[in-house]
Amino acid sequence: DCPGHADYVKNMITGAAQMDGGILVVSAADGPMPQTREHILLARQVGVPALVVFLNKTDQVDDEELLELVEMEVR
């Protein structure tokens, strides 16, 4: 678990340096948040070899095009 708050970045880096992979959870209703990009960048910088993206709350989005846009933005 890596919270997005800036105060937790040091802890995230420490934990991520030992990870074999990560799961990035992104809300389909809200889309990627500013800290989403930071988490991806930090994971790459400390050598996390694989990230899997889970698109959460898809049941709250009725528009297929919007879901596709969120997915494309995360990619």
PDB file of N, CA and C in Angstrom:
ATOM      1  N   ASP A   1       0.854  -1.174   0.000  1.00  0.00           N
ATOM      2  CA  ASP A   1       0.000   0.000   0.000  1.00  0.00           C
ATOM      3  C   ASP A   1       0.890   1.224   0.000  1.00  0.00           C
ATOM      4  N   CYS A   2       0.690   2.086  -0.958  1.00  0.00           N
ATOM      5  CA  CYS A   2       1.492   3.303  -1.067  1.00  0.00           C
ATOM      6  C   CYS A   2       0.557   4.496  -1.169  1.00  0.00           C
ATOM      7  N   PRO A   3       0.273   5.159  -0.059  1.00  0.00           N
ATOM      8  CA  PRO A   3      -0.611   6.319  -0.108  1.00  0.00           C
ATOM      9  C   PRO A   3      -0.034   7.413  -0.995  1.00  0.00           C
ATOM     10  N   GLY A   4      -0.910   8.246  -1.508  1.00  0.00           N
ATOM     11  CA  GLY A   4      -0.482   9.291  -2.417  1.00  0.00           C
ATOM     12  C   GLY A   4       0.031  10.545  -1.757  1.00  0.00           C
ATOM     13  N   HIS A   5      -0.127  10.684  -0.474  1.00  0.00           N
ATOM     14  CA  HIS A   5       0.266  11.907   0.210  1.00  0.00           C
ATOM     15  C   HIS A   5       1.781  12.071   0.187  1.00  0.00           C
ATOM     16  N   ALA A   6       2.249  13.280  -0.058  1.00  0.00           N
ATOM     17  CA  ALA A   6       3.679  13.563  -0.183  1.00  0.00           C
ATOM     18  C   ALA A   6       4.479  13.157   1.048  1.00  0.00           C
ATOM     19  N   ASP A   7       3.873  13.176   2.219  1.00  0.00           N
ATOM     20  CA  ASP A   7       4.581  12.810   3.446  1.00  0.00           C
ATOM     21  C   ASP A   7       4.989  11.342   3.464  1.00  0.00           C
ATOM     22  N   TYR A   8       4.389  10.526   2.619  1.00  0.00           N
ATOM     23  CA  TYR A   8       4.654   9.090   2.622  1.00  0.00           C
ATOM     24  C   TYR A   8       5.595   8.644   1.510  1.00  0.00           C
ATOM     25  N   VAL A   9       6.119   9.575   0.725  1.00  0.00           N
ATOM     26  CA  VAL A   9       6.959   9.215  -0.417  1.00  0.00           C
ATOM     27  C   VAL A   9       8.203   8.452   0.033  1.00  0.00           C
ATOM     28  N   LYS A  10       8.845   8.895   1.115  1.00  0.00           N
ATOM     29  CA  LYS A  10      10.047   8.210   1.598  1.00  0.00           C
ATOM     30  C   LYS A  10       9.732   6.751   1.937  1.00  0.00           C
ATOM     31  N   ASN A  11       8.624   6.518   2.627  1.00  0.00           N
ATOM     32  CA  ASN A  11       8.236   5.151   2.969  1.00  0.00           C
ATOM     33  C   ASN A  11       7.927   4.338   1.719  1.00  0.00           C
ATOM     34  N   MET A  12       7.322   4.978   0.728  1.00  0.00           N
ATOM     35  CA  MET A  12       7.008   4.266  -0.508  1.00  0.00           C
ATOM     36  C   MET A  12       8.290   3.832  -1.205  1.00  0.00           C
ATOM     37  N   ILE A  13       9.267   4.728  -1.268  1.00  0.00           N
ATOM     38  CA  ILE A  13      10.533   4.398  -1.927  1.00  0.00           C
ATOM     39  C   ILE A  13      11.218   3.241  -1.208  1.00  0.00           C
ATOM     40  N   THR A  14      11.227   3.287   0.108  1.00  0.00           N
ATOM     41  CA  THR A  14      11.845   2.219   0.892  1.00  0.00           C
ATOM     42  C   THR A  14      11.169   0.881   0.618  1.00  0.00           C
ATOM     43  N   GLY A  15       9.847   0.866   0.616  1.00  0.00           N
ATOM     44  CA  GLY A  15       9.113  -0.374   0.364  1.00  0.00           C
ATOM     45  C   GLY A  15       9.216  -0.837  -1.070  1.00  0.00           C
ATOM     46  N   ALA A  16       9.149   0.103  -2.009  1.00  0.00           N
ATOM     47  CA  ALA A  16       9.154  -0.249  -3.430  1.00  0.00           C
ATOM     48  C   ALA A  16      10.491  -0.828  -3.868  1.00  0.00           C
ATOM     49  N   ALA A  17      11.564  -0.441  -3.205  1.00  0.00           N
ATOM     50  CA  ALA A  17      12.888  -0.935  -3.581  1.00  0.00           C
ATOM     51  C   ALA A  17      12.997  -2.445  -3.398  1.00  0.00           C
ATOM     52  N   GLN A  18      12.111  -3.034  -2.619  1.00  0.00           N
ATOM     53  CA  GLN A  18      12.161  -4.467  -2.347  1.00  0.00           C
ATOM     54  C   GLN A  18      11.058  -5.237  -3.079  1.00  0.00           C
ATOM     55  N   MET A  19      10.273  -4.579  -3.908  1.00  0.00           N
ATOM     56  CA  MET A  19       9.132  -5.213  -4.574  1.00  0.00           C
ATOM     57  C   MET A  19       9.537  -5.954  -5.840  1.00  0.00           C
ATOM     58  N   ASP A  20       8.847  -7.067  -6.093  1.00  0.00           N
ATOM     59  CA  ASP A  20       9.001  -7.793  -7.352  1.00  0.00           C
ATOM     60  C   ASP A  20       8.002  -7.297  -8.391  1.00  0.00           C
ATOM     61  N   GLY A  21       6.980  -6.601  -7.944  1.00  0.00           N
ATOM     62  CA  GLY A  21       5.956  -6.072  -8.829  1.00  0.00           C
ATOM     63  C   GLY A  21       4.963  -5.270  -8.020  1.00  0.00           C
ATOM     64  N   GLY A  22       4.071  -4.583  -8.710  1.00  0.00           N
ATOM     65  CA  GLY A  22       3.081  -3.771  -8.017  1.00  0.00           C
ATOM     66  C   GLY A  22       1.745  -3.791  -8.727  1.00  0.00           C
ATOM     67  N   ILE A  23       0.704  -3.474  -7.975  1.00  0.00           N
ATOM     68  CA  ILE A  23      -0.645  -3.341  -8.526  1.00  0.00           C
ATOM     69  C   ILE A  23      -1.055  -1.889  -8.348  1.00  0.00           C
ATOM     70  N   LEU A  24      -1.323  -1.226  -9.443  1.00  0.00           N
ATOM     71  CA  LEU A  24      -1.747   0.164  -9.418  1.00  0.00           C
ATOM     72  C   LEU A  24      -3.263   0.185  -9.595  1.00  0.00           C
ATOM     73  N   VAL A  25      -3.976   0.676  -8.602  1.00  0.00           N
ATOM     74  CA  VAL A  25      -5.440   0.726  -8.649  1.00  0.00           C
ATOM     75  C   VAL A  25      -5.858   2.136  -9.047  1.00  0.00           C
ATOM     76  N   VAL A  26      -6.631   2.231 -10.136  1.00  0.00           N
ATOM     77  CA  VAL A  26      -7.097   3.516 -10.648  1.00  0.00           C
ATOM     78  C   VAL A  26      -8.617   3.481 -10.722  1.00  0.00           C
ATOM     79  N   SER A  27      -9.256   4.498 -10.188  1.00  0.00           N
ATOM     80  CA  SER A  27     -10.708   4.603 -10.226  1.00  0.00           C
ATOM     81  C   SER A  27     -11.173   4.968 -11.633  1.00  0.00           C
ATOM     82  N   ALA A  28     -12.072   4.170 -12.186  1.00  0.00           N
ATOM     83  CA  ALA A  28     -12.649   4.488 -13.493  1.00  0.00           C
ATOM     84  C   ALA A  28     -13.522   5.735 -13.399  1.00  0.00           C
ATOM     85  N   ALA A  29     -14.095   5.966 -12.230  1.00  0.00           N
ATOM     86  CA  ALA A  29     -14.971   7.121 -12.035  1.00  0.00           C
ATOM     87  C   ALA A  29     -14.181   8.428 -11.971  1.00  0.00           C
ATOM     88  N   ASP A  30     -12.974   8.376 -11.397  1.00  0.00           N
ATOM     89  CA  ASP A  30     -12.179   9.596 -11.209  1.00  0.00           C
ATOM     90  C   ASP A  30     -11.014   9.708 -12.178  1.00  0.00           C
ATOM     91  N   GLY A  31     -10.575   8.589 -12.729  1.00  0.00           N
ATOM     92  CA  GLY A  31      -9.406   8.593 -13.597  1.00  0.00           C
ATOM     93  C   GLY A  31      -8.125   8.696 -12.790  1.00  0.00           C
ATOM     94  N   PRO A  32      -6.994   8.723 -13.480  1.00  0.00           N
ATOM     95  CA  PRO A  32      -5.717   8.830 -12.782  1.00  0.00           C
ATOM     96  C   PRO A  32      -5.624  10.141 -11.999  1.00  0.00           C
ATOM     97  N   MET A  33      -5.069  10.052 -10.825  1.00  0.00           N
ATOM     98  CA  MET A  33      -4.877  11.228  -9.978  1.00  0.00           C
ATOM     99  C   MET A  33      -3.442  11.726 -10.175  1.00  0.00           C
ATOM    100  N   PRO A  34      -3.119  12.943  -9.724  1.00  0.00           N
ATOM    101  CA  PRO A  34      -1.744  13.447  -9.885  1.00  0.00           C
ATOM    102  C   PRO A  34      -0.687  12.497  -9.310  1.00  0.00           C
ATOM    103  N   GLN A  35      -0.995  11.856  -8.195  1.00  0.00           N
ATOM    104  CA  GLN A  35      -0.010  10.969  -7.577  1.00  0.00           C
ATOM    105  C   GLN A  35       0.150   9.654  -8.343  1.00  0.00           C
ATOM    106  N   THR A  36      -0.768   9.345  -9.258  1.00  0.00           N
ATOM    107  CA  THR A  36      -0.655   8.122 -10.056  1.00  0.00           C
ATOM    108  C   THR A  36       0.637   8.144 -10.863  1.00  0.00           C
ATOM    109  N   ARG A  37       0.885   9.239 -11.542  1.00  0.00           N
ATOM    110  CA  ARG A  37       2.111   9.375 -12.330  1.00  0.00           C
ATOM    111  C   ARG A  37       3.345   9.316 -11.433  1.00  0.00           C
ATOM    112  N   GLU A  38       3.256   9.943 -10.257  1.00  0.00           N
ATOM    113  CA  GLU A  38       4.379   9.915  -9.312  1.00  0.00           C
ATOM    114  C   GLU A  38       4.680   8.487  -8.875  1.00  0.00           C
ATOM    115  N   HIS A  39       3.645   7.711  -8.593  1.00  0.00           N
ATOM    116  CA  HIS A  39       3.849   6.328  -8.165  1.00  0.00           C
ATOM    117  C   HIS A  39       4.512   5.505  -9.267  1.00  0.00           C
ATOM    118  N   ILE A  40       4.076   5.703 -10.504  1.00  0.00           N
ATOM    119  CA  ILE A  40       4.669   4.973 -11.627  1.00  0.00           C
ATOM    120  C   ILE A  40       6.136   5.366 -11.787  1.00  0.00           C
ATOM    121  N   LEU A  41       6.414   6.650 -11.740  1.00  0.00           N
ATOM    122  CA  LEU A  41       7.783   7.143 -11.888  1.00  0.00           C
ATOM    123  C   LEU A  41       8.685   6.613 -10.777  1.00  0.00           C
ATOM    124  N   LEU A  42       8.216   6.687  -9.543  1.00  0.00           N
ATOM    125  CA  LEU A  42       9.013   6.195  -8.420  1.00  0.00           C
ATOM    126  C   LEU A  42       9.256   4.688  -8.522  1.00  0.00           C
ATOM    127  N   ALA A  43       8.239   3.945  -8.937  1.00  0.00           N
ATOM    128  CA  ALA A  43       8.403   2.497  -9.092  1.00  0.00           C
ATOM    129  C   ALA A  43       9.476   2.190 -10.137  1.00  0.00           C
ATOM    130  N   ARG A  44       9.459   2.926 -11.228  1.00  0.00           N
ATOM    131  CA  ARG A  44      10.478   2.727 -12.268  1.00  0.00           C
ATOM    132  C   ARG A  44      11.864   3.088 -11.748  1.00  0.00           C
ATOM    133  N   GLN A  45      11.952   4.195 -11.018  1.00  0.00           N
ATOM    134  CA  GLN A  45      13.246   4.671 -10.533  1.00  0.00           C
ATOM    135  C   GLN A  45      13.901   3.714  -9.547  1.00  0.00           C
ATOM    136  N   VAL A  46      13.108   3.011  -8.759  1.00  0.00           N
ATOM    137  CA  VAL A  46      13.696   2.080  -7.785  1.00  0.00           C
ATOM    138  C   VAL A  46      13.766   0.654  -8.333  1.00  0.00           C
ATOM    139  N   GLY A  47      13.383   0.471  -9.585  1.00  0.00           N
ATOM    140  CA  GLY A  47      13.584  -0.813 -10.242  1.00  0.00           C
ATOM    141  C   GLY A  47      12.493  -1.850 -10.066  1.00  0.00           C
ATOM    142  N   VAL A  48      11.263  -1.416  -9.797  1.00  0.00           N
ATOM    143  CA  VAL A  48      10.160  -2.380  -9.738  1.00  0.00           C
ATOM    144  C   VAL A  48       9.961  -2.901 -11.162  1.00  0.00           C
ATOM    145  N   PRO A  49      10.131  -4.213 -11.369  1.00  0.00           N
ATOM    146  CA  PRO A  49      10.146  -4.736 -12.739  1.00  0.00           C
ATOM    147  C   PRO A  49       8.786  -4.812 -13.438  1.00  0.00           C
ATOM    148  N   ALA A  50       7.692  -4.857 -12.680  1.00  0.00           N
ATOM    149  CA  ALA A  50       6.382  -5.025 -13.326  1.00  0.00           C
ATOM    150  C   ALA A  50       5.299  -4.300 -12.541  1.00  0.00           C
ATOM    151  N   LEU A  51       4.389  -3.683 -13.272  1.00  0.00           N
ATOM    152  CA  LEU A  51       3.200  -3.059 -12.683  1.00  0.00           C
ATOM    153  C   LEU A  51       1.974  -3.587 -13.416  1.00  0.00           C
ATOM    154  N   VAL A  52       0.958  -3.935 -12.656  1.00  0.00           N
ATOM    155  CA  VAL A  52      -0.331  -4.341 -13.203  1.00  0.00           C
ATOM    156  C   VAL A  52      -1.316  -3.244 -12.832  1.00  0.00           C
ATOM    157  N   VAL A  53      -2.134  -2.825 -13.776  1.00  0.00           N
ATOM    158  CA  VAL A  53      -3.121  -1.780 -13.501  1.00  0.00           C
ATOM    159  C   VAL A  53      -4.491  -2.419 -13.340  1.00  0.00           C
ATOM    160  N   PHE A  54      -5.161  -2.075 -12.251  1.00  0.00           N
ATOM    161  CA  PHE A  54      -6.525  -2.534 -11.993  1.00  0.00           C
ATOM    162  C   PHE A  54      -7.440  -1.327 -12.087  1.00  0.00           C
ATOM    163  N   LEU A  55      -8.395  -1.366 -12.996  1.00  0.00           N
ATOM    164  CA  LEU A  55      -9.364  -0.288 -13.157  1.00  0.00           C
ATOM    165  C   LEU A  55     -10.549  -0.576 -12.245  1.00  0.00           C
ATOM    166  N   ASN A  56     -10.658   0.199 -11.192  1.00  0.00           N
ATOM    167  CA  ASN A  56     -11.635   0.017 -10.124  1.00  0.00           C
ATOM    168  C   ASN A  56     -12.888   0.864 -10.389  1.00  0.00           C
ATOM    169  N   LYS A  57     -13.995   0.502  -9.808  1.00  0.00           N
ATOM    170  CA  LYS A  57     -15.253   1.262  -9.860  1.00  0.00           C
ATOM    171  C   LYS A  57     -15.813   1.384 -11.281  1.00  0.00           C
ATOM    172  N   THR A  58     -15.582   0.390 -12.124  1.00  0.00           N
ATOM    173  CA  THR A  58     -16.114   0.448 -13.487  1.00  0.00           C
ATOM    174  C   THR A  58     -17.636   0.386 -13.500  1.00  0.00           C
ATOM    175  N   ASP A  59     -18.217  -0.169 -12.441  1.00  0.00           N
ATOM    176  CA  ASP A  59     -19.677  -0.248 -12.361  1.00  0.00           C
ATOM    177  C   ASP A  59     -20.318   1.125 -12.182  1.00  0.00           C
ATOM    178  N   GLN A  60     -19.542   2.117 -11.800  1.00  0.00           N
ATOM    179  CA  GLN A  60     -20.069   3.465 -11.597  1.00  0.00           C
ATOM    180  C   GLN A  60     -20.023   4.312 -12.867  1.00  0.00           C
ATOM    181  N   VAL A  61     -19.456   3.761 -13.936  1.00  0.00           N
ATOM    182  CA  VAL A  61     -19.334   4.493 -15.198  1.00  0.00           C
ATOM    183  C   VAL A  61     -20.188   3.790 -16.245  1.00  0.00           C
ATOM    184  N   ASP A  62     -21.218   4.473 -16.725  1.00  0.00           N
ATOM    185  CA  ASP A  62     -22.141   3.885 -17.695  1.00  0.00           C
ATOM    186  C   ASP A  62     -21.674   4.047 -19.144  1.00  0.00           C
ATOM    187  N   ASP A  63     -20.739   4.939 -19.377  1.00  0.00           N
ATOM    188  CA  ASP A  63     -20.301   5.267 -20.727  1.00  0.00           C
ATOM    189  C   ASP A  63     -19.044   4.468 -21.094  1.00  0.00           C
ATOM    190  N   GLU A  64     -19.164   3.569 -22.074  1.00  0.00           N
ATOM    191  CA  GLU A  64     -18.032   2.739 -22.506  1.00  0.00           C
ATOM    192  C   GLU A  64     -16.880   3.590 -23.036  1.00  0.00           C
ATOM    193  N   GLU A  65     -17.210   4.684 -23.728  1.00  0.00           N
ATOM    194  CA  GLU A  65     -16.167   5.565 -24.261  1.00  0.00           C
ATOM    195  C   GLU A  65     -15.350   6.181 -23.142  1.00  0.00           C
ATOM    196  N   LEU A  66     -16.017   6.572 -22.069  1.00  0.00           N
ATOM    197  CA  LEU A  66     -15.316   7.152 -20.926  1.00  0.00           C
ATOM    198  C   LEU A  66     -14.378   6.122 -20.298  1.00  0.00           C
ATOM    199  N   LEU A  67     -14.840   4.880 -20.183  1.00  0.00           N
ATOM    200  CA  LEU A  67     -13.980   3.813 -19.659  1.00  0.00           C
ATOM    201  C   LEU A  67     -12.741   3.634 -20.535  1.00  0.00           C
ATOM    202  N   GLU A  68     -12.939   3.655 -21.837  1.00  0.00           N
ATOM    203  CA  GLU A  68     -11.816   3.516 -22.762  1.00  0.00           C
ATOM    204  C   GLU A  68     -10.844   4.683 -22.636  1.00  0.00           C
ATOM    205  N   LEU A  69     -11.376   5.892 -22.449  1.00  0.00           N
ATOM    206  CA  LEU A  69     -10.512   7.061 -22.282  1.00  0.00           C
ATOM    207  C   LEU A  69      -9.667   6.957 -21.017  1.00  0.00           C
ATOM    208  N   VAL A  70     -10.280   6.505 -19.928  1.00  0.00           N
ATOM    209  CA  VAL A  70      -9.538   6.335 -18.676  1.00  0.00           C
ATOM    210  C   VAL A  70      -8.451   5.280 -18.869  1.00  0.00           C
ATOM    211  N   GLU A  71      -8.796   4.183 -19.530  1.00  0.00           N
ATOM    212  CA  GLU A  71      -7.807   3.128 -19.778  1.00  0.00           C
ATOM    213  C   GLU A  71      -6.653   3.646 -20.628  1.00  0.00           C
ATOM    214  N   MET A  72      -6.965   4.392 -21.676  1.00  0.00           N
ATOM    215  CA  MET A  72      -5.922   4.942 -22.542  1.00  0.00           C
ATOM    216  C   MET A  72      -5.035   5.921 -21.780  1.00  0.00           C
ATOM    217  N   GLU A  73      -5.636   6.716 -20.908  1.00  0.00           N
ATOM    218  CA  GLU A  73      -4.860   7.686 -20.137  1.00  0.00           C
ATOM    219  C   GLU A  73      -3.880   6.986 -19.196  1.00  0.00           C
ATOM    220  N   VAL A  74      -4.301   5.876 -18.623  1.00  0.00           N
ATOM    221  CA  VAL A  74      -3.429   5.132 -17.715  1.00  0.00           C
ATOM    222  C   VAL A  74      -2.283   4.476 -18.482  1.00  0.00           C
ATOM    223  N   ARG A  75      -2.566   4.000 -19.672  1.00  0.00           N
ATOM    224  CA  ARG A  75      -1.513   3.342 -20.474  1.00  0.00           C
ATOM    225  C   ARG A  75      -0.448   4.345 -20.823  1.00  0.00           C
TER     226      ARG A  75
END
